[in-house]
Amino acid sequence: MAKLARPRKKADIFRSIEDDDDSRLTEPEPSEREGRLVRVSTQCPTFDAILGGGLPLGRQILIGGKEGCGKTTFALHLADEVQRLGGRVRYEDAEFKLDRGYARSIVKHDPDLLVVGHTPYIERGVSKIRKFCLTLEKHREATGNPDAPGLIIVDSVTAWPSKIEYNAGDEDVTMARQA
């Protein structure tokens, strides 16, 4: 039987982050403009401080937590902030659970610009995300704002089956996941 690691205290985690070697971060960031990393505020000053000023654009960020802890609400607040800054948002509802009325109550800047996709499997979702990225580049060119942020939310990436799993019967999916 494998031995489970002892849960770490928050103070230990933050200490290890502070002591981490940053030499691996020497490559230019995709969202760097004129020597600065472009960031989007989470609208939570404490969280922004931990992140060094907000969420850095051009990076994949995984937000995890127990069901009902506020991940979707947090993501929708980020969507509102990105739109306030003149950006675009694509929300992939892989769980098919997003309440559009609830989303509109949070994304107040322009809820009609919140693109919500209900993509059945990950390969098609990735294709739609690529198209969104091209649309975002066209938006940046049209507005003359190269820093217009883009945000892609996948809720939840663990709920997205592959095309093979999607097209297979329930028994095949169970066997594939166990393998």
Foldseek 3Di string as FASTA:
>chain_A
DDDDDDDDDPVVVLVCVVVDDCPVVPDDAPQDDPRDFDAFALPPVVVCVSVVRHHTARDDDDDDDDPPPCPVVSVLLSQLRLVVLVAAEEEEEQVPDDDLVVSCVRNVPDSVRHHYHHDQADVVVVVVVVVVVVVRVVSCVVVVNPNRGYYYHYVPPVSHHHPVLSPDDPVVVVVVVVD
